[in-house]
Amino acid sequence: MSEELDELAVRLKSYEGQTAAVGGVGKDPVNEPMIRHWCEAMGDTNPAYAGPDAIAPPTMLQAWTMGGLSGHADRSDAYDELLGLLDDAGYTSVVATDCEQEYVRPLRPGDEITFDAVIESVSECKTTKLGTGHFVTTRMDVRAGGEVAGTHRFRILKYAPARRKPRTTRPRPVVNRDNAGFWEGVEQHKLLIQRCEGCGSLRFPWLPGCGACGCLEWDTVESSGQGAVYSYVVMHHPPFPAFDPPYAVGLIELAEGVRIVSNVVGVPYDKVRIGMPVRLQFERYDDELVLPVFRAGETDGGGS
């Protein structure tokens, strides 16, 4: 088995430096409608992205190269062979893990996009919580009118899923240095919203900087807990031991103007409606986990 793994590792490494895509062409030139939709979805009101001298948000770099549902016909045989080799070795699952982007020059409406990509690296076999597999990194060079506009590195994990024991506890939220203050507030039955000290804009979810003015300084305000269902979905599948489908997951617009995703409780899942008033409450799921949820039909009174 060890010899087989060593042989596989050598074969995988042989793909490093080979072409992943060549002569790719963006399906649309950089255009104002896509920029507008992106900015609306992200809540980005930066004036640089509108008007006669508009540029595209730099983080849209990959968007101009995507093939949509019909895909691109420019992927190389080498890349398909690499993925096939991993599939044959039992690494049949895939998850995108991260990306890195470098911006060389702004993109503007009318720019015609072309790109090439290379298989930059294939990692040694790694064991993760998802399972055991290999990280595959591709580097895409994006051009506008033949001129380099940026570089996009995209990393996936091709893995064999780990066998897991059935889990009956609620999944833990991912707590990091950017959102730790929010979860500390939840523990105290407070829903804290970030407020930019530069322009006063409120933002949620928590971010290290202001999307409106770029200021890195902020404080918090406590939500009143009042809100309304802005949108919602009813979850039927997949079943999960810690949940009891069907149940409603709502996008709640708080009275302060920001939105939060949470469960809607207090009414049957099929009675949830857009515009329904809701009120914050905190629900304890076990000795360690408290989560904010929203009870339908309540617009005042205590939230805890």
Protein backbone atom coordinates (compact mmCIF):
# COMPACT_ATOMS: atom_id res chain seq x y z
CA MET A 1 0.00 0.00 0.00
CA SER A 2 2.85 2.38 0.87
CA GLU A 3 4.44 1.81 -2.54
CA GLU A 4 1.12 2.54 -4.24
CA LEU A 5 0.76 5.79 -2.29
CA ASP A 6 4.32 6.80 -3.15
CA GLU A 7 3.66 6.11 -6.81
CA LEU A 8 0.44 8.15 -6.67
CA ALA A 9 2.26 11.06 -5.02
CA VAL A 10 4.87 11.08 -7.80
CA ARG A 11 2.19 11.00 -10.50
CA LEU A 12 0.25 13.83 -8.85
CA LYS A 13 3.35 16.00 -8.55
CA SER A 14 4.03 15.52 -12.28
CA TYR A 15 1.00 17.69 -13.03
CA GLU A 16 2.45 20.75 -11.32
CA GLY A 17 3.21 23.43 -13.89
CA GLN A 18 0.91 21.94 -16.51
CA THR A 19 -1.83 23.97 -18.11
CA ALA A 20 -5.27 23.96 -16.49
CA ALA A 21 -6.95 26.24 -19.03
CA VAL A 22 -5.68 28.13 -22.04
CA GLY A 23 -7.18 30.84 -24.19
CA GLY A 24 -10.18 31.32 -21.93
CA VAL A 25 -12.53 34.13 -22.90
CA GLY A 26 -14.96 35.84 -20.55
CA LYS A 27 -18.55 35.25 -21.64
CA ASP A 28 -19.36 38.93 -21.15
CA PRO A 29 -17.25 42.07 -21.14
CA VAL A 30 -17.04 43.97 -17.88
CA ASN A 31 -20.42 45.66 -17.67
CA GLU A 32 -22.45 48.01 -15.48
CA PRO A 33 -25.43 45.68 -14.79
CA MET A 34 -23.20 42.96 -13.28
CA ILE A 35 -21.35 45.57 -11.22
CA ARG A 36 -24.65 46.97 -9.96
CA HIS A 37 -26.03 43.52 -9.06
CA TRP A 38 -22.80 42.66 -7.24
CA CYS A 39 -22.81 45.90 -5.26
CA GLU A 40 -26.48 45.49 -4.32
CA ALA A 41 -25.90 41.91 -3.17
CA MET A 42 -22.85 42.92 -1.14
CA GLY A 43 -24.33 46.15 0.17
CA ASP A 44 -21.32 48.01 -1.24
CA THR A 45 -22.10 51.69 -1.86
CA ASN A 46 -18.58 52.80 -2.79
CA PRO A 47 -19.05 55.65 -5.33
CA ALA A 48 -16.09 54.36 -7.36
CA TYR A 49 -18.34 51.59 -8.70
CA ALA A 50 -20.97 53.87 -10.28
CA GLY A 51 -21.09 56.78 -12.71
CA PRO A 52 -19.30 57.57 -15.96
CA ASP A 53 -15.82 56.74 -14.59
CA ALA A 54 -16.90 53.59 -12.76
CA ILE A 55 -14.55 50.71 -12.11
CA ALA A 56 -15.53 47.17 -11.17
CA PRO A 57 -15.02 46.08 -7.55
CA PRO A 58 -11.62 44.35 -7.52
CA THR A 59 -13.08 41.30 -5.77
CA MET A 60 -15.22 40.66 -8.87
CA LEU A 61 -12.05 39.49 -10.64
CA GLN A 62 -13.16 35.85 -10.84
CA ALA A 63 -16.74 36.75 -11.79
CA TRP A 64 -15.68 37.88 -15.28
CA THR A 65 -14.06 34.48 -15.98
CA MET A 66 -16.87 32.19 -14.81
CA GLY A 67 -18.59 29.98 -17.34
CA GLY A 68 -22.07 29.87 -15.81
CA LEU A 69 -24.25 26.76 -15.97
CA SER A 70 -23.00 25.86 -19.44
CA GLY A 71 -19.37 26.05 -18.33
CA HIS A 72 -16.25 26.74 -20.38
CA ALA A 73 -14.75 24.59 -23.10
CA ASP A 74 -11.20 25.73 -22.36
CA ARG A 75 -10.25 23.37 -19.50
CA SER A 76 -7.16 21.34 -20.37
CA ASP A 77 -6.86 17.58 -20.70
CA ALA A 78 -4.15 17.67 -18.02
CA TYR A 79 -6.52 19.13 -15.44
CA ASP A 80 -9.22 16.57 -16.25
CA GLU A 81 -6.62 13.78 -16.03
CA LEU A 82 -5.48 15.04 -12.61
CA LEU A 83 -9.01 15.07 -11.23
CA GLY A 84 -9.68 11.64 -12.76
CA LEU A 85 -6.55 10.25 -11.14
CA LEU A 86 -7.70 11.52 -7.74
CA ASP A 87 -11.18 10.06 -8.31
CA ASP A 88 -9.71 6.66 -9.19
CA ALA A 89 -7.63 6.76 -5.98
CA GLY A 90 -10.80 7.18 -3.94
CA TYR A 91 -10.68 10.96 -3.46
CA THR A 92 -14.09 11.46 -5.00
CA SER A 93 -15.39 14.40 -2.95
CA VAL A 94 -14.42 18.01 -3.54
CA VAL A 95 -14.70 21.24 -1.61
CA ALA A 96 -13.37 24.69 -2.39
CA THR A 97 -11.15 25.83 0.49
CA ASP A 98 -9.84 29.32 -0.26
CA CYS A 99 -8.69 31.75 -2.90
CA GLU A 100 -6.10 34.50 -3.17
CA GLN A 101 -6.31 37.43 -5.55
CA GLU A 102 -3.78 40.01 -6.70
CA TYR A 103 -5.01 43.16 -8.45
CA VAL A 104 -2.77 44.79 -11.06
CA ARG A 105 -5.12 47.32 -12.61
CA PRO A 106 -8.80 48.29 -12.27
CA LEU A 107 -11.33 46.76 -14.65
CA ARG A 108 -13.78 49.09 -16.35
CA PRO A 109 -17.03 48.58 -18.27
CA GLY A 110 -16.21 47.47 -21.81
CA ASP A 111 -13.03 45.57 -20.93
CA GLU A 112 -12.83 42.25 -22.78
CA ILE A 113 -11.56 39.50 -20.48
CA THR A 114 -9.23 36.63 -21.38
CA PHE A 115 -7.42 34.25 -19.07
CA ASP A 116 -5.04 31.31 -18.81
CA ALA A 117 -4.61 28.96 -15.86
CA VAL A 118 -1.90 26.59 -14.64
CA ILE A 119 -1.85 23.78 -12.06
CA GLU A 120 0.39 25.49 -9.54
CA SER A 121 0.64 22.80 -6.88
CA VAL A 122 -0.70 19.46 -5.67
CA SER A 123 -0.12 18.86 -1.98
CA GLU A 124 1.03 15.75 -0.22
CA CYS A 125 -1.75 13.65 1.29
CA LYS A 126 -3.39 15.60 4.12
CA THR A 127 -5.86 14.57 6.79
CA THR A 128 -8.58 17.09 7.63
CA LYS A 129 -11.86 17.00 9.54
CA LEU A 130 -13.62 16.38 6.23
CA GLY A 131 -11.40 13.48 5.32
CA THR A 132 -8.07 12.58 3.74
CA GLY A 133 -7.00 13.98 0.38
CA HIS A 134 -4.92 16.40 -1.65
CA PHE A 135 -5.11 20.16 -2.03
CA VAL A 136 -4.98 21.26 -5.68
CA THR A 137 -4.11 24.90 -6.38
CA THR A 138 -4.58 26.57 -9.76
CA ARG A 139 -3.34 30.02 -10.70
CA MET A 140 -5.33 32.03 -13.22
CA ASP A 141 -3.88 35.09 -14.94
CA VAL A 142 -6.68 37.44 -15.94
CA ARG A 143 -6.17 39.93 -18.76
CA ALA A 144 -8.14 42.88 -20.08
CA GLY A 145 -7.40 43.80 -23.67
CA GLY A 146 -4.31 41.62 -23.50
CA GLU A 147 -2.97 43.44 -20.44
CA VAL A 148 -2.61 41.62 -17.10
CA ALA A 149 -5.34 42.83 -14.75
CA GLY A 150 -4.94 40.39 -11.87
CA THR A 151 -4.13 36.91 -10.64
CA HIS A 152 -6.57 34.48 -9.04
CA ARG A 153 -5.37 31.45 -7.07
CA PHE A 154 -8.05 28.90 -6.31
CA ARG A 155 -7.59 25.91 -4.03
CA ILE A 156 -9.75 22.82 -3.71
CA LEU A 157 -9.51 19.71 -1.57
CA LYS A 158 -10.13 16.41 -3.35
CA TYR A 159 -10.76 13.97 -0.52
CA ALA A 160 -12.19 10.69 0.69
CA PRO A 161 -14.83 11.58 3.30
CA ALA A 162 -14.04 10.59 6.86
CA ARG A 163 -16.39 8.18 8.54
CA ARG A 164 -18.21 10.02 11.27
CA LYS A 165 -20.31 9.02 14.19
CA PRO A 166 -23.84 10.42 14.06
CA ARG A 167 -23.89 13.83 15.67
CA THR A 168 -26.82 14.84 17.79
CA THR A 169 -25.55 18.15 19.16
CA ARG A 170 -26.14 21.43 17.39
CA PRO A 171 -23.18 22.47 15.19
CA ARG A 172 -20.88 25.02 16.85
CA PRO A 173 -20.55 28.49 15.29
CA VAL A 174 -17.13 29.38 13.93
CA VAL A 175 -15.70 31.97 16.33
CA ASN A 176 -12.69 34.00 15.24
CA ARG A 177 -11.03 37.29 16.17
CA ASP A 178 -13.36 39.23 13.87
CA ASN A 179 -16.64 37.98 15.39
CA ALA A 180 -15.71 36.93 18.94
CA GLY A 181 -17.34 40.07 20.38
CA PHE A 182 -20.64 39.16 18.77
CA TRP A 183 -20.68 35.71 20.40
CA GLU A 184 -19.65 37.17 23.74
CA GLY A 185 -22.71 39.40 23.47
CA VAL A 186 -24.94 36.43 22.65
CA GLU A 187 -23.73 34.69 25.80
CA GLN A 188 -25.00 37.75 27.70
CA HIS A 189 -28.31 37.71 25.77
CA LYS A 190 -27.34 40.79 23.76
CA LEU A 191 -27.46 41.08 19.97
CA LEU A 192 -24.61 43.48 19.19
CA ILE A 193 -24.30 45.30 15.85
CA GLN A 194 -21.07 46.89 14.69
CA ARG A 195 -21.10 50.67 14.15
CA CYS A 196 -18.38 52.39 12.12
CA GLU A 197 -16.68 55.20 14.02
CA GLY A 198 -15.85 56.90 10.75
CA CYS A 199 -19.24 57.26 9.05
CA GLY A 200 -21.63 55.79 11.62
CA SER A 201 -22.85 53.00 9.33
CA LEU A 202 -24.18 49.87 11.02
CA ARG A 203 -23.05 46.52 9.67
CA PHE A 204 -23.87 42.86 10.12
CA PRO A 205 -22.40 40.27 9.99
CA TRP A 206 -19.31 41.49 11.81
CA LEU A 207 -16.39 42.53 9.62
CA PRO A 208 -12.93 43.97 10.35
CA GLY A 209 -13.59 47.15 8.34
CA CYS A 210 -16.40 49.34 7.07
CA GLY A 211 -17.69 48.56 3.58
CA ALA A 212 -18.98 52.12 3.19
CA CYS A 213 -15.91 54.19 4.06
CA GLY A 214 -13.14 51.66 4.78
CA CYS A 215 -12.62 52.79 8.37
CA LEU A 216 -11.17 50.11 10.66
CA GLU A 217 -12.41 51.68 13.90
CA TRP A 218 -15.78 50.63 15.29
CA ASP A 219 -17.93 50.23 18.37
CA THR A 220 -21.21 48.39 18.94
CA VAL A 221 -24.87 49.12 19.54
CA GLU A 222 -27.31 46.67 21.06
CA SER A 223 -30.26 45.73 18.88
CA SER A 224 -33.74 46.39 20.20
CA GLY A 225 -34.61 42.89 19.03
CA GLN A 226 -37.53 44.03 16.90
CA GLY A 227 -37.66 43.06 13.26
CA ALA A 228 -39.56 41.50 10.40
CA VAL A 229 -39.10 38.56 8.07
CA TYR A 230 -37.39 39.94 4.95
CA SER A 231 -37.16 36.52 3.25
CA TYR A 232 -37.18 32.88 4.29
CA VAL A 233 -36.75 29.28 3.24
CA VAL A 234 -38.25 26.08 4.65
CA MET A 235 -35.66 23.35 5.18
CA HIS A 236 -36.86 19.82 4.37
CA HIS A 237 -33.62 18.08 3.36
CA PRO A 238 -31.06 16.82 4.19
CA PRO A 239 -32.11 15.37 7.54
CA PHE A 240 -29.65 15.97 10.36
CA PRO A 241 -29.77 14.48 13.87
CA ALA A 242 -29.57 17.86 15.63
CA PHE A 243 -32.47 19.32 13.65
CA ASP A 244 -36.10 18.38 13.18
CA PRO A 245 -37.21 19.29 9.64
CA PRO A 246 -39.20 20.90 8.25
CA TYR A 247 -38.30 24.22 9.87
CA ALA A 248 -38.14 27.86 8.75
CA VAL A 249 -34.90 29.78 8.34
CA GLY A 250 -35.48 33.49 7.98
CA LEU A 251 -33.52 36.48 6.78
CA ILE A 252 -34.61 38.96 9.45
CA GLU A 253 -34.46 42.71 8.87
CA LEU A 254 -33.89 44.31 12.25
CA ALA A 255 -35.37 47.67 13.22
CA GLU A 256 -31.83 49.07 13.02
CA GLY A 257 -31.71 48.30 9.27
CA VAL A 258 -29.29 45.37 9.15
CA ARG A 259 -30.24 41.75 8.42
CA ILE A 260 -29.45 38.48 10.15
CA VAL A 261 -30.10 34.83 9.27
CA SER A 262 -31.77 32.86 12.05
CA ASN A 263 -34.57 30.41 12.84
CA VAL A 264 -38.15 31.64 12.98
CA VAL A 265 -39.99 30.02 15.89
CA GLY A 266 -43.39 30.31 17.54
CA VAL A 267 -45.48 29.46 14.47
CA PRO A 268 -45.67 26.42 12.18
CA TYR A 269 -43.09 26.50 9.40
CA ASP A 270 -45.82 26.86 6.74
CA LYS A 271 -47.25 29.96 8.42
CA VAL A 272 -44.11 32.07 8.11
CA ARG A 273 -44.63 35.01 5.74
CA ILE A 274 -42.53 37.86 4.38
CA GLY A 275 -43.19 40.98 6.44
CA MET A 276 -44.21 39.00 9.54
CA PRO A 277 -43.13 40.85 12.69
CA VAL A 278 -40.69 38.98 14.90
CA ARG A 279 -38.96 39.52 18.20
CA LEU A 280 -35.52 38.38 19.30
CA GLN A 281 -35.14 35.72 21.93
CA PHE A 282 -32.17 33.64 23.02
CA GLU A 283 -32.42 29.88 23.07
CA ARG A 284 -30.05 27.56 24.93
CA TYR A 285 -29.38 24.28 23.13
CA ASP A 286 -26.90 22.75 25.58
CA ASP A 287 -24.54 23.73 28.38
CA GLU A 288 -22.26 25.59 25.97
CA LEU A 289 -24.44 26.89 23.14
CA VAL A 290 -26.82 29.86 23.12
CA LEU A 291 -28.19 31.15 19.80
CA PRO A 292 -30.37 34.10 18.83
CA VAL A 293 -33.71 33.09 17.26
CA PHE A 294 -36.79 35.12 16.34
CA ARG A 295 -40.28 34.48 17.64
CA ALA A 296 -43.07 35.36 15.24
CA GLY A 297 -45.86 37.75 16.14
CA GLU A 298 -44.05 39.67 18.88
CA THR A 299 -42.95 43.26 18.38
CA ASP A 300 -42.31 44.42 21.94
CA GLY A 301 -41.51 43.08 25.36
CA GLY A 302 -38.38 41.36 26.60
CA GLY A 303 -36.18 39.46 24.15
CA SER A 304 -34.42 37.12 26.57
